[in-house]
N, C-alpha and C. Protein backbone atom coordinates (compact mmCIF):
# COMPACT_ATOMS: atom_id res chain seq x y z
N UNK A 1 12.59 86.75 2.48
CA UNK A 1 12.73 85.34 2.15
C UNK A 1 12.03 85.06 0.82
N UNK A 2 12.71 84.33 -0.02
CA UNK A 2 12.12 84.01 -1.31
C UNK A 2 12.50 82.60 -1.71
N UNK A 3 11.52 81.85 -2.18
CA UNK A 3 11.74 80.54 -2.73
C UNK A 3 11.15 80.53 -4.14
N UNK A 4 11.92 80.07 -5.09
CA UNK A 4 11.47 80.07 -6.48
C UNK A 4 11.68 78.69 -7.07
N UNK A 5 10.57 78.04 -7.40
CA UNK A 5 10.64 76.73 -8.03
C UNK A 5 10.71 76.88 -9.55
N UNK A 6 11.48 76.02 -10.17
CA UNK A 6 11.61 76.03 -11.63
C UNK A 6 11.91 74.63 -12.12
N UNK A 7 11.84 74.45 -13.45
CA UNK A 7 12.21 73.18 -14.03
C UNK A 7 11.05 72.32 -14.50
N UNK A 8 9.84 72.79 -14.28
CA UNK A 8 8.69 72.03 -14.73
C UNK A 8 8.57 72.02 -16.25
N UNK A 9 7.62 71.22 -16.72
CA UNK A 9 7.41 71.14 -18.16
C UNK A 9 6.53 69.97 -18.52
N UNK A 10 6.49 69.70 -19.81
CA UNK A 10 5.71 68.58 -20.35
C UNK A 10 6.67 67.44 -20.67
N UNK A 11 6.34 66.26 -20.18
CA UNK A 11 7.19 65.10 -20.39
C UNK A 11 6.31 63.88 -20.62
N UNK A 12 6.82 62.94 -21.38
CA UNK A 12 6.07 61.71 -21.63
C UNK A 12 6.19 60.76 -20.44
N UNK A 13 5.22 59.88 -20.29
CA UNK A 13 5.34 58.87 -19.22
C UNK A 13 6.65 58.10 -19.33
N UNK A 14 7.26 57.89 -18.19
CA UNK A 14 8.57 57.24 -18.17
C UNK A 14 9.73 58.21 -18.26
N UNK A 15 9.43 59.45 -18.54
CA UNK A 15 10.48 60.45 -18.66
C UNK A 15 10.92 61.00 -17.32
N UNK A 16 11.79 62.01 -17.39
CA UNK A 16 12.37 62.58 -16.18
C UNK A 16 12.39 64.11 -16.25
N UNK A 17 12.32 64.72 -15.09
CA UNK A 17 12.48 66.16 -14.93
C UNK A 17 13.25 66.42 -13.65
N UNK A 18 13.94 67.55 -13.63
CA UNK A 18 14.64 67.96 -12.43
C UNK A 18 14.13 69.34 -12.03
N UNK A 19 13.48 69.42 -10.89
CA UNK A 19 13.00 70.68 -10.37
C UNK A 19 14.05 71.29 -9.45
N UNK A 20 14.12 72.60 -9.45
CA UNK A 20 15.02 73.31 -8.56
C UNK A 20 14.25 74.33 -7.74
N UNK A 21 14.65 74.49 -6.50
CA UNK A 21 14.09 75.49 -5.61
C UNK A 21 15.22 76.42 -5.20
N UNK A 22 15.24 77.62 -5.74
CA UNK A 22 16.25 78.61 -5.39
C UNK A 22 15.79 79.36 -4.16
N UNK A 23 16.63 79.34 -3.14
CA UNK A 23 16.26 79.93 -1.85
C UNK A 23 17.13 81.14 -1.56
N UNK A 24 16.51 82.22 -1.13
CA UNK A 24 17.25 83.41 -0.72
C UNK A 24 16.64 83.98 0.53
N UNK A 25 17.48 84.61 1.33
CA UNK A 25 17.00 85.23 2.55
C UNK A 25 16.98 84.33 3.77
N UNK A 26 17.41 83.10 3.61
CA UNK A 26 17.53 82.20 4.76
C UNK A 26 18.61 81.18 4.47
N UNK A 27 19.09 80.57 5.55
CA UNK A 27 20.14 79.58 5.42
C UNK A 27 19.56 78.18 5.46
N UNK A 28 19.92 77.37 4.50
CA UNK A 28 19.45 75.99 4.47
C UNK A 28 19.94 75.20 5.68
N UNK A 29 20.97 75.69 6.34
CA UNK A 29 21.48 74.99 7.52
C UNK A 29 20.52 75.09 8.71
N UNK A 30 19.52 75.95 8.61
CA UNK A 30 18.57 76.13 9.71
C UNK A 30 17.14 75.78 9.30
N UNK A 31 16.96 75.41 8.06
CA UNK A 31 15.62 75.14 7.57
C UNK A 31 15.55 73.78 6.88
N UNK A 32 14.46 73.08 7.13
CA UNK A 32 14.17 71.93 6.28
C UNK A 32 13.37 72.43 5.08
N UNK A 33 13.52 71.74 3.97
CA UNK A 33 12.84 72.12 2.73
C UNK A 33 11.94 70.97 2.28
N UNK A 34 10.74 71.33 1.90
CA UNK A 34 9.80 70.33 1.42
C UNK A 34 9.32 70.65 0.02
N UNK A 35 9.01 69.61 -0.70
CA UNK A 35 8.36 69.74 -2.01
C UNK A 35 6.93 69.23 -1.88
N UNK A 36 6.01 69.99 -2.43
CA UNK A 36 4.60 69.66 -2.37
C UNK A 36 4.01 69.75 -3.78
N UNK A 37 2.90 69.11 -3.99
CA UNK A 37 2.25 69.22 -5.29
C UNK A 37 0.75 69.26 -5.11
N UNK A 38 0.11 69.88 -6.08
CA UNK A 38 -1.35 69.95 -6.06
C UNK A 38 -1.87 69.81 -7.47
N UNK A 39 -2.67 68.78 -7.65
CA UNK A 39 -3.31 68.53 -8.94
C UNK A 39 -4.69 69.18 -8.93
N UNK A 40 -5.23 69.50 -10.10
CA UNK A 40 -6.56 70.13 -10.16
C UNK A 40 -7.61 69.29 -9.45
N UNK A 41 -8.37 69.92 -8.59
CA UNK A 41 -9.43 69.22 -7.89
C UNK A 41 -8.99 68.35 -6.74
N UNK A 42 -7.69 68.36 -6.45
CA UNK A 42 -7.17 67.53 -5.36
C UNK A 42 -6.52 68.38 -4.29
N UNK A 43 -6.38 67.80 -3.11
CA UNK A 43 -5.70 68.49 -2.04
C UNK A 43 -4.18 68.49 -2.26
N UNK A 44 -3.53 69.45 -1.63
CA UNK A 44 -2.07 69.50 -1.69
C UNK A 44 -1.48 68.26 -1.04
N UNK A 45 -0.44 67.74 -1.65
CA UNK A 45 0.19 66.51 -1.19
C UNK A 45 1.68 66.75 -0.95
N UNK A 46 2.16 66.32 0.18
CA UNK A 46 3.59 66.37 0.45
C UNK A 46 4.30 65.30 -0.35
N UNK A 47 5.37 65.67 -1.04
CA UNK A 47 6.08 64.75 -1.92
C UNK A 47 7.39 64.28 -1.28
N UNK A 48 8.19 65.23 -0.83
CA UNK A 48 9.49 64.88 -0.27
C UNK A 48 9.99 66.04 0.59
N UNK A 49 10.87 65.72 1.54
CA UNK A 49 11.47 66.78 2.34
C UNK A 49 12.90 66.40 2.70
N UNK A 50 13.66 67.44 3.06
CA UNK A 50 15.08 67.29 3.37
C UNK A 50 15.36 68.06 4.65
N UNK A 51 16.11 67.44 5.54
CA UNK A 51 16.39 68.07 6.83
C UNK A 51 17.38 69.21 6.70
N UNK A 52 17.48 70.01 7.76
CA UNK A 52 18.41 71.13 7.77
C UNK A 52 19.87 70.65 7.79
N UNK A 53 20.10 69.45 8.27
CA UNK A 53 21.45 68.89 8.23
C UNK A 53 21.83 68.44 6.82
N UNK A 54 20.80 68.26 5.99
CA UNK A 54 21.04 67.79 4.62
C UNK A 54 21.22 66.29 4.51
N UNK A 55 21.04 65.59 5.63
CA UNK A 55 21.31 64.15 5.62
C UNK A 55 20.07 63.28 5.71
N UNK A 56 18.96 63.85 6.17
CA UNK A 56 17.73 63.07 6.32
C UNK A 56 16.76 63.45 5.21
N UNK A 57 16.22 62.43 4.56
CA UNK A 57 15.23 62.66 3.52
C UNK A 57 14.00 61.81 3.79
N UNK A 58 12.89 62.27 3.27
CA UNK A 58 11.64 61.52 3.43
C UNK A 58 10.83 61.67 2.16
N UNK A 59 10.17 60.57 1.77
CA UNK A 59 9.40 60.55 0.54
C UNK A 59 8.01 60.00 0.78
N UNK A 60 7.05 60.56 0.07
CA UNK A 60 5.73 59.97 0.06
C UNK A 60 5.80 58.61 -0.63
N UNK A 61 4.96 57.70 -0.23
CA UNK A 61 4.98 56.36 -0.82
C UNK A 61 4.78 56.40 -2.33
N UNK A 62 4.01 57.38 -2.78
CA UNK A 62 3.68 57.46 -4.20
C UNK A 62 4.89 57.78 -5.08
N UNK A 63 5.96 58.31 -4.47
CA UNK A 63 7.12 58.70 -5.27
C UNK A 63 8.40 57.98 -4.85
N UNK A 64 8.31 57.20 -3.81
CA UNK A 64 9.50 56.52 -3.28
C UNK A 64 10.12 55.64 -4.35
N UNK A 65 11.43 55.75 -4.49
CA UNK A 65 12.13 54.96 -5.49
C UNK A 65 12.21 55.63 -6.85
N UNK A 66 11.45 56.71 -7.05
CA UNK A 66 11.46 57.41 -8.33
C UNK A 66 11.98 58.84 -8.20
N UNK A 67 11.74 59.46 -7.06
CA UNK A 67 12.16 60.84 -6.84
C UNK A 67 13.33 60.88 -5.86
N UNK A 68 14.20 61.86 -6.06
CA UNK A 68 15.33 62.07 -5.16
C UNK A 68 15.48 63.55 -4.85
N UNK A 69 15.52 63.87 -3.57
CA UNK A 69 15.70 65.26 -3.15
C UNK A 69 17.15 65.46 -2.73
N UNK A 70 17.71 66.62 -3.06
CA UNK A 70 19.09 66.92 -2.70
C UNK A 70 19.26 68.42 -2.63
N UNK A 71 20.40 68.85 -2.10
CA UNK A 71 20.62 70.29 -2.03
C UNK A 71 22.06 70.62 -2.41
N UNK A 72 22.22 71.86 -2.88
CA UNK A 72 23.53 72.40 -3.23
C UNK A 72 23.75 73.61 -2.33
N UNK A 73 24.58 73.45 -1.32
CA UNK A 73 24.79 74.53 -0.36
C UNK A 73 25.42 75.76 -1.01
N UNK A 74 26.29 75.54 -1.96
CA UNK A 74 26.97 76.66 -2.60
C UNK A 74 25.99 77.54 -3.37
N UNK A 75 24.99 76.90 -3.96
CA UNK A 75 24.01 77.64 -4.76
C UNK A 75 22.74 77.94 -3.97
N UNK A 76 22.65 77.42 -2.74
CA UNK A 76 21.45 77.59 -1.91
C UNK A 76 20.20 77.14 -2.64
N UNK A 77 20.31 75.97 -3.24
CA UNK A 77 19.16 75.40 -3.95
C UNK A 77 18.88 73.99 -3.47
N UNK A 78 17.65 73.60 -3.59
CA UNK A 78 17.22 72.24 -3.30
C UNK A 78 16.56 71.69 -4.55
N UNK A 79 16.98 70.53 -4.98
CA UNK A 79 16.48 69.95 -6.22
C UNK A 79 15.64 68.71 -5.97
N UNK A 80 14.77 68.45 -6.91
CA UNK A 80 13.96 67.23 -6.87
C UNK A 80 14.10 66.55 -8.22
N UNK A 81 14.86 65.47 -8.24
CA UNK A 81 15.01 64.69 -9.46
C UNK A 81 13.85 63.71 -9.55
N UNK A 82 13.12 63.79 -10.63
CA UNK A 82 11.94 62.96 -10.80
C UNK A 82 12.14 62.04 -12.00
N UNK A 83 12.20 60.76 -11.74
CA UNK A 83 12.40 59.77 -12.79
C UNK A 83 11.16 58.90 -12.95
N UNK A 84 11.07 58.23 -14.09
CA UNK A 84 9.96 57.32 -14.35
C UNK A 84 8.62 57.99 -14.04
N UNK A 85 8.44 59.16 -14.60
CA UNK A 85 7.23 59.94 -14.30
C UNK A 85 5.99 59.26 -14.85
N UNK A 86 4.91 59.44 -14.11
CA UNK A 86 3.63 58.85 -14.45
C UNK A 86 2.59 59.96 -14.64
N UNK A 87 1.53 59.70 -15.37
CA UNK A 87 0.49 60.72 -15.55
C UNK A 87 -0.05 61.24 -14.22
N UNK A 88 -0.10 60.40 -13.22
CA UNK A 88 -0.61 60.83 -11.92
C UNK A 88 0.35 61.76 -11.17
N UNK A 89 1.54 61.97 -11.72
CA UNK A 89 2.46 62.95 -11.14
C UNK A 89 2.16 64.36 -11.63
N UNK A 90 1.25 64.49 -12.56
CA UNK A 90 0.89 65.80 -13.09
C UNK A 90 0.31 66.68 -11.99
N UNK A 91 0.91 67.85 -11.81
CA UNK A 91 0.50 68.76 -10.75
C UNK A 91 1.37 70.02 -10.81
N UNK A 92 0.98 71.00 -10.00
CA UNK A 92 1.84 72.15 -9.75
C UNK A 92 2.70 71.81 -8.54
N UNK A 93 4.00 71.90 -8.71
CA UNK A 93 4.95 71.56 -7.65
C UNK A 93 5.50 72.85 -7.03
N UNK A 94 5.49 72.88 -5.70
CA UNK A 94 5.99 74.03 -4.96
C UNK A 94 6.98 73.58 -3.90
N UNK A 95 7.90 74.49 -3.56
CA UNK A 95 8.81 74.20 -2.47
C UNK A 95 8.50 75.14 -1.30
N UNK A 96 8.86 74.69 -0.12
CA UNK A 96 8.57 75.45 1.09
C UNK A 96 9.67 75.22 2.12
N UNK A 97 9.82 76.18 3.03
CA UNK A 97 10.85 76.11 4.05
C UNK A 97 10.23 76.13 5.45
N UNK A 98 10.78 75.28 6.30
CA UNK A 98 10.32 75.19 7.69
C UNK A 98 11.52 75.40 8.61
N UNK A 99 11.43 76.39 9.48
CA UNK A 99 12.53 76.62 10.41
C UNK A 99 12.65 75.45 11.38
N UNK A 100 13.85 74.88 11.44
CA UNK A 100 14.05 73.67 12.26
C UNK A 100 15.20 73.84 13.23
N UNK A 101 16.16 74.65 12.88
CA UNK A 101 17.35 74.77 13.69
C UNK A 101 18.51 74.05 13.04
N UNK A 102 19.71 74.27 13.53
CA UNK A 102 20.90 73.69 12.89
C UNK A 102 20.99 72.18 13.11
N UNK A 103 21.55 71.51 12.11
CA UNK A 103 21.83 70.07 12.20
C UNK A 103 20.59 69.23 12.50
N UNK A 104 19.48 69.66 12.03
CA UNK A 104 18.26 68.90 12.24
C UNK A 104 18.28 67.59 11.46
N UNK A 105 17.78 66.55 12.07
CA UNK A 105 17.74 65.23 11.42
C UNK A 105 16.33 64.74 11.21
N UNK A 106 15.46 65.66 10.87
CA UNK A 106 14.10 65.28 10.57
C UNK A 106 13.46 66.28 9.64
N UNK A 107 12.30 65.97 9.14
CA UNK A 107 11.52 66.90 8.34
C UNK A 107 10.08 66.41 8.33
N UNK A 108 9.19 67.25 7.85
CA UNK A 108 7.77 66.93 7.87
C UNK A 108 7.17 67.12 6.48
N UNK A 109 6.16 66.35 6.18
CA UNK A 109 5.43 66.55 4.93
C UNK A 109 4.04 67.11 5.19
N UNK A 110 3.91 67.78 6.33
CA UNK A 110 2.66 68.46 6.64
C UNK A 110 2.79 69.90 6.21
N UNK A 111 2.11 70.27 5.14
CA UNK A 111 2.29 71.60 4.58
C UNK A 111 1.89 72.71 5.52
N UNK A 112 0.97 72.43 6.41
CA UNK A 112 0.48 73.47 7.30
C UNK A 112 1.54 73.98 8.26
N UNK A 113 2.62 73.25 8.43
CA UNK A 113 3.66 73.64 9.38
C UNK A 113 4.73 74.53 8.76
N UNK A 114 4.74 74.68 7.45
CA UNK A 114 5.82 75.39 6.79
C UNK A 114 5.66 76.91 6.88
N UNK A 115 6.82 77.59 6.98
CA UNK A 115 6.84 79.02 7.23
C UNK A 115 6.83 79.85 5.95
N UNK A 116 7.53 79.38 4.94
CA UNK A 116 7.70 80.17 3.72
C UNK A 116 7.43 79.30 2.51
N UNK A 117 6.74 79.86 1.55
CA UNK A 117 6.36 79.14 0.34
C UNK A 117 6.81 79.91 -0.90
N UNK A 118 7.12 79.14 -1.92
CA UNK A 118 7.42 79.73 -3.21
C UNK A 118 6.28 79.46 -4.18
N UNK A 119 6.32 80.15 -5.30
CA UNK A 119 5.35 79.87 -6.35
C UNK A 119 5.70 78.55 -7.02
N UNK A 120 4.71 77.92 -7.58
CA UNK A 120 4.91 76.59 -8.12
C UNK A 120 5.35 76.56 -9.57
N UNK A 121 5.68 75.36 -9.99
CA UNK A 121 6.03 75.10 -11.38
C UNK A 121 5.20 73.92 -11.86
N UNK A 122 4.66 74.04 -13.06
CA UNK A 122 3.74 73.01 -13.58
C UNK A 122 4.52 71.84 -14.15
N UNK A 123 4.11 70.66 -13.75
CA UNK A 123 4.64 69.42 -14.31
C UNK A 123 3.48 68.67 -14.94
N UNK A 124 3.61 68.37 -16.21
CA UNK A 124 2.57 67.64 -16.93
C UNK A 124 3.18 66.39 -17.56
N UNK A 125 2.62 65.25 -17.21
CA UNK A 125 3.10 63.98 -17.74
C UNK A 125 2.01 63.42 -18.63
N UNK A 126 2.29 63.41 -19.91
CA UNK A 126 1.27 63.00 -20.87
C UNK A 126 1.93 62.57 -22.17
N UNK A 127 1.30 61.60 -22.82
CA UNK A 127 1.79 61.17 -24.13
C UNK A 127 1.08 61.93 -25.24
């Protein structure tokens, strides 16, 4: 199983980035996918997650209305579109997979429950 996050970079406040999580070795139809972030000196924070059915999404209050999670079944990737970025969004972003079963209509933002993790990608929001 491998998850690879990409798409990070340096962006000005108010800008946008699109992160991608390329997944191999498992089927998204049986796993929920979560995005997490960790800023220096801070604890890991759950940002967003997507159910195994692909229909249920959940967002942390800090990103609600600005971030959108989605998946591409053909490419086995899960993306996180981040708009109106703020300096406080600066962190290393990682994706993770949690076995849920088929057609799941829920997901969790508790990182301790996730089975597989990928390496992160740095997002820096600064003028």
